[in-house]
Protein backbone atom coordinates (compact mmCIF):
# COMPACT_ATOMS: atom_id res chain seq x y z
CA MET A 1 50.97 -24.33 -8.90
CA GLY A 2 47.42 -23.11 -8.85
CA TYR A 3 45.11 -22.10 -11.67
CA ARG A 4 43.05 -19.10 -12.58
CA VAL A 5 39.44 -20.32 -12.83
CA ALA A 6 36.30 -18.61 -14.11
CA VAL A 7 32.79 -19.98 -13.49
CA VAL A 8 30.38 -18.77 -16.17
CA GLY A 9 26.77 -18.99 -15.03
CA ALA A 10 27.90 -18.65 -11.44
CA THR A 11 24.51 -17.53 -10.08
CA GLY A 12 22.63 -20.65 -11.21
CA ASN A 13 22.14 -23.88 -9.26
CA VAL A 14 24.97 -25.71 -11.03
CA GLY A 15 27.28 -22.68 -11.11
CA ARG A 16 27.01 -22.31 -7.34
CA GLU A 17 27.68 -26.02 -6.93
CA MET A 18 30.79 -25.67 -9.09
CA LEU A 19 32.12 -23.01 -6.73
CA ASN A 20 31.25 -25.14 -3.70
CA ILE A 21 32.92 -28.25 -5.10
CA LEU A 22 36.10 -26.45 -6.18
CA GLU A 23 36.48 -25.48 -2.54
CA GLU A 24 35.40 -28.87 -1.13
CA VAL A 25 37.93 -30.87 -3.16
CA ASP A 26 40.66 -28.29 -2.57
CA PHE A 27 41.27 -27.82 -6.30
CA PRO A 28 44.43 -25.71 -6.77
CA VAL A 29 42.88 -22.29 -7.42
CA ASP A 30 45.08 -19.19 -7.43
CA GLU A 31 42.32 -16.84 -8.57
CA ILE A 32 38.57 -17.36 -8.93
CA PHE A 33 36.15 -15.31 -11.02
CA ALA A 34 32.36 -15.45 -11.17
CA VAL A 35 31.03 -14.50 -14.60
CA ALA A 36 27.42 -14.16 -15.69
CA SER A 37 25.12 -12.43 -18.13
CA ARG A 38 24.30 -8.75 -17.81
CA LYS A 39 21.25 -9.34 -15.60
CA SER A 40 23.45 -10.92 -12.90
CA ILE A 41 26.29 -8.39 -12.90
CA GLY A 42 27.21 -7.38 -9.38
CA GLN A 43 25.41 -10.26 -7.69
CA ASP A 44 27.38 -11.89 -4.88
CA VAL A 45 28.33 -15.58 -4.84
CA ALA A 46 30.32 -17.51 -2.24
CA PHE A 47 33.62 -19.31 -2.70
CA GLY A 48 34.67 -20.82 0.61
CA ASP A 49 34.74 -17.96 3.08
CA LYS A 50 35.06 -15.36 0.32
CA ILE A 51 32.30 -13.38 -1.34
CA ILE A 52 32.90 -12.49 -4.99
CA LYS A 53 30.92 -10.27 -7.34
CA CYS A 54 29.83 -11.43 -10.77
CA LYS A 55 31.62 -9.99 -13.77
CA ASP A 56 29.99 -9.23 -17.11
CA VAL A 57 30.63 -11.95 -19.70
CA ASP A 58 30.62 -9.31 -22.45
CA THR A 59 33.63 -7.46 -21.02
CA PHE A 60 35.50 -10.14 -19.08
CA ASP A 61 39.03 -10.90 -20.35
CA PHE A 62 39.13 -14.70 -20.62
CA SER A 63 42.76 -14.68 -21.73
CA LYS A 64 43.74 -14.18 -18.10
CA VAL A 65 42.29 -17.51 -16.92
CA ASP A 66 43.30 -21.15 -17.44
CA ILE A 67 39.99 -22.96 -16.90
CA VAL A 68 36.41 -21.90 -17.59
CA LEU A 69 33.65 -23.97 -15.99
CA MET A 70 30.52 -23.10 -17.92
CA SER A 71 26.95 -23.77 -16.81
CA VAL A 72 24.69 -21.91 -19.22
CA SER A 73 22.11 -22.68 -21.89
CA GLY A 74 23.08 -24.46 -25.07
CA LYS A 75 22.36 -21.29 -27.06
CA PHE A 76 24.62 -19.22 -24.80
CA SER A 77 27.36 -21.83 -25.01
CA LYS A 78 27.17 -21.99 -28.80
CA GLU A 79 27.72 -18.24 -28.88
CA TRP A 80 30.51 -18.08 -26.29
CA ALA A 81 32.40 -21.35 -25.72
CA GLU A 82 34.43 -21.37 -28.92
CA LYS A 83 35.25 -17.66 -28.63
CA ILE A 84 36.47 -18.19 -25.07
CA GLY A 85 38.50 -21.25 -26.05
CA LYS A 86 40.31 -19.25 -28.73
CA GLN A 87 41.51 -16.87 -26.01
CA GLY A 88 43.46 -19.69 -24.34
CA PRO A 89 41.58 -21.34 -21.48
CA VAL A 90 40.02 -24.78 -21.64
CA VAL A 91 36.22 -24.54 -21.48
CA ILE A 92 34.46 -27.34 -19.59
CA ASP A 93 30.88 -26.93 -20.73
CA ASN A 94 27.81 -28.35 -18.99
CA SER A 95 25.29 -27.63 -21.77
CA SER A 96 24.24 -29.93 -24.61
CA ALA A 97 25.76 -27.64 -27.26
CA TRP A 98 29.07 -29.44 -27.88
CA ARG A 99 28.52 -32.99 -26.69
CA MET A 100 28.24 -34.61 -30.09
CA ASP A 101 30.80 -32.41 -31.87
CA PRO A 102 33.49 -34.79 -33.18
CA ASP A 103 36.21 -32.28 -32.24
CA VAL A 104 35.01 -31.97 -28.62
CA PRO A 105 35.68 -34.75 -26.09
CA LEU A 106 32.68 -35.83 -24.01
CA ILE A 107 34.09 -36.96 -20.68
CA VAL A 108 33.17 -38.80 -17.52
CA PRO A 109 36.53 -39.35 -15.80
CA GLU A 110 35.64 -42.82 -14.46
CA VAL A 111 34.60 -43.93 -17.95
CA ASN A 112 36.82 -42.46 -20.70
CA PRO A 113 39.68 -40.39 -19.21
CA GLU A 114 41.85 -41.08 -22.25
CA ALA A 115 39.51 -39.00 -24.45
CA THR A 116 40.83 -35.73 -22.97
CA ARG A 117 43.82 -35.87 -25.29
CA GLY A 118 41.97 -34.26 -28.18
CA PHE A 119 40.55 -31.25 -26.36
CA ARG A 120 42.96 -28.66 -27.81
CA LYS A 121 41.21 -28.77 -31.21
CA LYS A 122 38.61 -26.33 -29.86
CA ASN A 123 39.75 -25.97 -26.25
CA ILE A 124 36.33 -27.31 -25.21
CA ILE A 125 35.41 -30.41 -23.20
CA ALA A 126 31.74 -31.35 -22.85
CA ASN A 127 29.98 -32.62 -19.75
CA PRO A 128 27.30 -35.23 -20.51
CA ASN A 129 23.64 -34.98 -19.67
CA CYS A 130 23.03 -35.48 -15.95
CA SER A 131 21.12 -38.73 -16.41
CA THR A 132 23.77 -40.11 -18.78
CA ALA A 133 26.64 -39.36 -16.41
CA GLN A 134 25.43 -41.62 -13.62
CA LEU A 135 24.33 -44.30 -16.07
CA VAL A 136 27.71 -44.70 -17.78
CA VAL A 137 29.57 -44.74 -14.44
CA ALA A 138 27.48 -47.80 -13.52
CA LEU A 139 27.65 -49.45 -16.94
CA LYS A 140 31.38 -49.07 -17.61
CA PRO A 141 32.76 -51.74 -15.20
CA LEU A 142 29.99 -54.18 -16.14
CA HIS A 143 30.65 -53.65 -19.86
CA ASP A 144 34.36 -54.28 -19.32
CA ALA A 145 33.54 -57.53 -17.52
CA ALA A 146 30.88 -59.11 -19.75
CA LYS A 147 30.21 -56.82 -22.76
CA ILE A 148 26.78 -55.23 -22.79
CA LYS A 149 24.45 -55.98 -25.70
CA ARG A 150 21.32 -54.06 -24.73
CA VAL A 151 20.14 -51.67 -22.01
CA VAL A 152 16.61 -50.55 -21.11
CA VAL A 153 16.48 -47.47 -18.87
CA SER A 154 13.60 -45.74 -17.10
CA THR A 155 14.62 -42.50 -15.40
CA TYR A 156 13.09 -40.76 -12.40
CA GLN A 157 14.50 -37.24 -12.78
CA SER A 158 14.21 -34.54 -10.15
CA VAL A 159 12.88 -31.06 -10.80
CA SER A 160 16.30 -29.49 -10.18
CA GLY A 161 17.23 -30.88 -13.59
CA ALA A 162 14.98 -28.13 -14.96
CA GLY A 163 16.78 -25.46 -12.92
CA LYS A 164 15.59 -23.15 -10.18
CA GLU A 165 12.28 -22.57 -11.96
CA GLY A 166 11.52 -26.28 -11.74
CA MET A 167 12.31 -26.40 -8.04
CA ASP A 168 10.22 -23.30 -7.39
CA GLU A 169 7.27 -24.76 -9.28
CA LEU A 170 7.25 -27.99 -7.24
CA TRP A 171 7.43 -25.99 -4.01
CA THR A 172 4.73 -23.52 -5.07
CA GLN A 173 2.34 -26.21 -6.31
CA THR A 174 2.80 -28.34 -3.20
CA LYS A 175 1.96 -25.39 -0.93
CA ALA A 176 -0.97 -24.37 -3.12
CA ILE A 177 -2.53 -27.83 -3.08
CA PHE A 178 -2.50 -27.90 0.72
CA MET A 179 -3.62 -24.32 1.19
CA PHE A 180 -5.56 -22.92 -1.73
CA GLY A 181 -6.00 -25.58 -4.40
CA PRO A 182 -3.83 -26.51 -7.41
CA SER A 183 -1.78 -23.83 -9.15
CA GLU A 184 -1.38 -23.70 -12.91
CA PRO A 185 1.84 -25.21 -14.32
CA LYS A 186 4.35 -22.79 -15.81
CA LYS A 187 7.72 -24.51 -16.12
CA PHE A 188 6.35 -28.00 -16.67
CA PRO A 189 3.55 -28.93 -19.12
CA LYS A 190 1.42 -30.51 -16.38
CA GLN A 191 1.21 -30.39 -12.59
CA ILE A 192 4.38 -31.84 -11.08
CA ALA A 193 3.37 -31.87 -7.40
CA PHE A 194 2.03 -35.33 -6.44
CA ASN A 195 2.44 -36.39 -10.07
CA VAL A 196 4.92 -37.79 -12.59
CA ILE A 197 5.43 -36.50 -16.14
CA PRO A 198 6.72 -38.97 -18.78
CA TYR A 199 8.08 -36.19 -20.94
CA ILE A 200 11.37 -34.26 -20.66
CA GLY A 201 12.69 -32.09 -23.47
CA GLU A 202 10.97 -31.99 -26.85
CA PHE A 203 9.38 -34.74 -28.91
CA LYS A 204 11.23 -36.03 -31.98
CA ASP A 205 9.57 -37.54 -35.05
CA ASP A 206 10.06 -41.10 -33.75
CA GLY A 207 8.09 -40.39 -30.55
CA TYR A 208 11.15 -40.23 -28.29
CA THR A 209 12.22 -36.97 -26.68
CA ASP A 210 15.55 -35.23 -27.16
CA GLU A 211 16.35 -36.00 -23.49
CA GLU A 212 16.03 -39.70 -24.28
CA GLN A 213 18.01 -39.27 -27.49
CA LYS A 214 20.83 -37.57 -25.57
CA MET A 215 21.20 -40.60 -23.32
CA TRP A 216 21.80 -43.10 -26.10
CA ASN A 217 23.89 -40.77 -28.27
CA GLU A 218 26.15 -39.81 -25.35
CA THR A 219 26.47 -43.39 -24.10
CA HIS A 220 27.48 -44.48 -27.59
CA LYS A 221 30.12 -41.73 -27.83
CA MET A 222 31.66 -42.38 -24.42
CA LEU A 223 31.23 -46.12 -23.91
CA ASP A 224 30.44 -48.20 -27.02
CA PRO A 225 28.44 -47.39 -30.19
CA ASP A 226 27.34 -51.02 -30.47
CA ILE A 227 25.30 -51.03 -27.25
CA LYS A 228 21.58 -51.03 -27.98
CA LEU A 229 19.92 -48.57 -25.62
CA THR A 230 16.30 -47.58 -25.20
CA VAL A 231 15.12 -44.97 -22.69
CA THR A 232 12.00 -43.47 -21.13
CA CYS A 233 12.68 -40.24 -19.22
CA VAL A 234 10.25 -39.23 -16.48
CA ARG A 235 10.12 -36.09 -14.31
CA VAL A 236 9.18 -36.84 -10.70
CA PRO A 237 8.32 -34.59 -7.71
CA VAL A 238 11.77 -34.84 -6.10
CA MET A 239 13.85 -31.71 -5.51
CA VAL A 240 17.37 -33.10 -6.09
CA GLY A 241 18.65 -36.48 -7.22
CA HIS A 242 18.04 -38.59 -10.32
CA SER A 243 17.21 -42.30 -10.14
CA GLU A 244 17.26 -44.92 -12.88
CA ALA A 245 15.89 -48.44 -13.21
CA VAL A 246 18.34 -50.18 -15.54
CA ASN A 247 17.88 -53.56 -17.25
CA ILE A 248 21.04 -54.92 -18.89
CA GLU A 249 21.60 -57.82 -21.27
CA PHE A 250 25.19 -59.08 -21.67
CA GLU A 251 26.96 -61.12 -24.33
CA ASN A 252 28.80 -63.15 -21.67
CA PRO A 253 27.67 -64.63 -18.34
CA LEU A 254 27.62 -62.30 -15.33
CA ASP A 255 25.57 -63.15 -12.28
CA GLU A 256 24.42 -60.78 -9.56
CA ASP A 257 27.15 -61.73 -7.08
CA GLU A 258 29.91 -61.12 -9.62
CA ALA A 259 28.30 -57.84 -10.65
CA ARG A 260 28.03 -56.70 -7.03
CA GLU A 261 31.74 -57.29 -6.44
CA ILE A 262 32.74 -55.59 -9.71
CA LEU A 263 30.67 -52.53 -8.85
CA ARG A 264 32.07 -52.37 -5.31
CA GLU A 265 35.59 -52.12 -6.75
CA ALA A 266 34.71 -49.60 -9.48
CA PRO A 267 35.70 -45.91 -9.19
CA GLY A 268 32.96 -43.44 -8.31
CA ILE A 269 30.46 -46.10 -7.22
CA VAL A 270 29.09 -47.02 -3.80
CA VAL A 271 27.03 -50.20 -3.57
CA ILE A 272 24.14 -50.12 -1.09
CA ASP A 273 22.41 -53.45 -1.62
CA LYS A 274 20.88 -55.32 1.29
CA ARG A 275 17.69 -57.27 0.91
CA ASP A 276 15.71 -55.60 3.62
CA GLU A 277 13.27 -52.71 3.70
CA THR A 278 16.00 -50.04 4.00
CA GLY A 279 18.84 -51.69 2.09
CA TYR A 280 18.84 -49.47 -1.00
CA MET A 281 19.58 -45.85 -1.92
CA THR A 282 17.07 -43.07 -2.58
CA PRO A 283 17.60 -39.65 -4.18
CA LYS A 284 17.02 -37.90 -0.86
CA GLU A 285 19.91 -39.83 0.71
CA ALA A 286 22.17 -39.13 -2.30
CA GLN A 287 21.63 -35.37 -2.12
CA GLY A 288 24.90 -33.55 -1.46
CA GLU A 289 27.01 -36.67 -2.07
CA PHE A 290 29.65 -37.29 -4.74
CA ALA A 291 29.08 -40.97 -5.52
CA VAL A 292 26.91 -42.86 -7.95
CA TYR A 293 24.96 -45.34 -5.81
CA VAL A 294 23.91 -48.76 -7.08
CA SER A 295 21.24 -50.87 -5.36
CA ARG A 296 18.72 -53.65 -6.12
CA ILE A 297 21.30 -55.74 -8.01
CA ARG A 298 19.57 -58.91 -9.21
CA ASN A 299 19.52 -61.40 -12.04
CA ASP A 300 16.98 -61.02 -14.85
CA PRO A 301 15.77 -64.57 -15.59
CA THR A 302 13.90 -63.51 -18.77
CA VAL A 303 17.10 -63.31 -20.87
CA GLU A 304 20.19 -65.53 -21.05
CA HIS A 305 22.59 -63.09 -19.40
CA GLY A 306 20.51 -60.38 -17.75
CA LEU A 307 20.78 -58.07 -14.77
CA ASN A 308 18.66 -55.36 -13.13
CA ILE A 309 20.13 -52.49 -11.12
CA TRP A 310 18.91 -49.27 -9.47
CA VAL A 311 21.19 -46.24 -9.95
CA VAL A 312 20.93 -43.00 -7.92
CA SER A 313 23.03 -39.83 -7.86
CA ASP A 314 22.86 -36.12 -7.05
CA ASN A 315 22.22 -34.61 -10.49
CA LEU A 316 23.60 -31.20 -9.50
CA ARG A 317 26.84 -32.85 -8.42
CA LYS A 318 27.92 -35.95 -10.36
CA GLY A 319 25.39 -35.10 -13.04
CA ALA A 320 26.83 -31.63 -13.57
CA ALA A 321 29.10 -29.58 -11.28
CA LEU A 322 31.15 -32.39 -9.75
CA ASN A 323 31.84 -34.04 -13.09
CA ALA A 324 33.04 -30.70 -14.50
CA VAL A 325 35.46 -30.22 -11.60
CA GLN A 326 36.61 -33.82 -11.89
CA ILE A 327 37.44 -33.15 -15.55
CA ALA A 328 39.57 -30.19 -14.44
CA GLN A 329 41.27 -32.45 -11.87
CA LEU A 330 41.90 -35.04 -14.58
CA LEU A 331 43.52 -32.46 -16.87
CA HIS A 332 45.69 -31.35 -13.95
CA GLU A 333 46.76 -34.93 -13.20
CA GLN A 334 47.52 -35.57 -16.87
CA GLY A 335 49.66 -32.42 -17.08
CA LEU A 336 47.43 -30.89 -19.74
CA LEU A 337 46.88 -27.54 -18.02
CA GLU A 338 50.41 -26.22 -18.24
CA ARG A 339 50.66 -22.45 -18.69
CA GLU A 340 53.14 -19.69 -18.47
CA ALA A 341 53.58 -18.15 -15.01
CA ALA A 342 51.04 -15.47 -14.29
């Protein structure tokens, strides 16, 4: 049995990746619909060897689909997700709008698959922030083994996390610097080409940004509220792929060799960890891949039970589109997508 699937926000970077991944993983799709706001009506998007035209979200009948993969702004999702869910389909939402709602499961399938059971309260499941998704995939097996007390994370987040405008700005500024001189920033607050910006999101009263706040709130909801987590989020001049330097303190002993073996056996993780000049993963190499890559696994001698790791993943895939499709696969495997015959 296949499903009727709608992708809302189908013309964006993540929406297009959702369509690509549905086809790549051979998800059982009977019918596929591309849905977007009025400005994108009639635009063409690809699904395998098919070309489909975008439908208008204002007039589309969501009662005729089973699954809605949504990649839109938080404001758009707040307006639409609950209305769509009331028409019958499960909404798997990539925005920040519903992540901390107590009636909406926040899911990374490798981390908390059991949490899907409550999704019918609003017919919405939330995708975590892209930087959180790869972090919790790496932390989960280590937490199960030795119980994490504290985590310190520094992120190196690509411009694609800010959408097409972010990618365009890096490209435009890079060309301008070589040809005509620096161009003025538009999407980012400062020049991103040949630079790093230690600011993503908006500042909160405590000096942290909401991007940093998302990471600890979402980790607490999915993994363990008792983990102490502090974060610095940094935008870097990389097109696709987020990286994270992660320092972990455990309650129980766990040395680097044990950690390496645990991570090698964990779902969704590939360990690339040789102590030579090429024995680690970079965001460029992770681009287009499904896995969360872990490298630079080593003891931290400054605390009793400490470890450092380097975590890399394609933020448009595991950080967004892939995780959404994996949630749909999980619901299918759990038998939670049953419907009447079309």
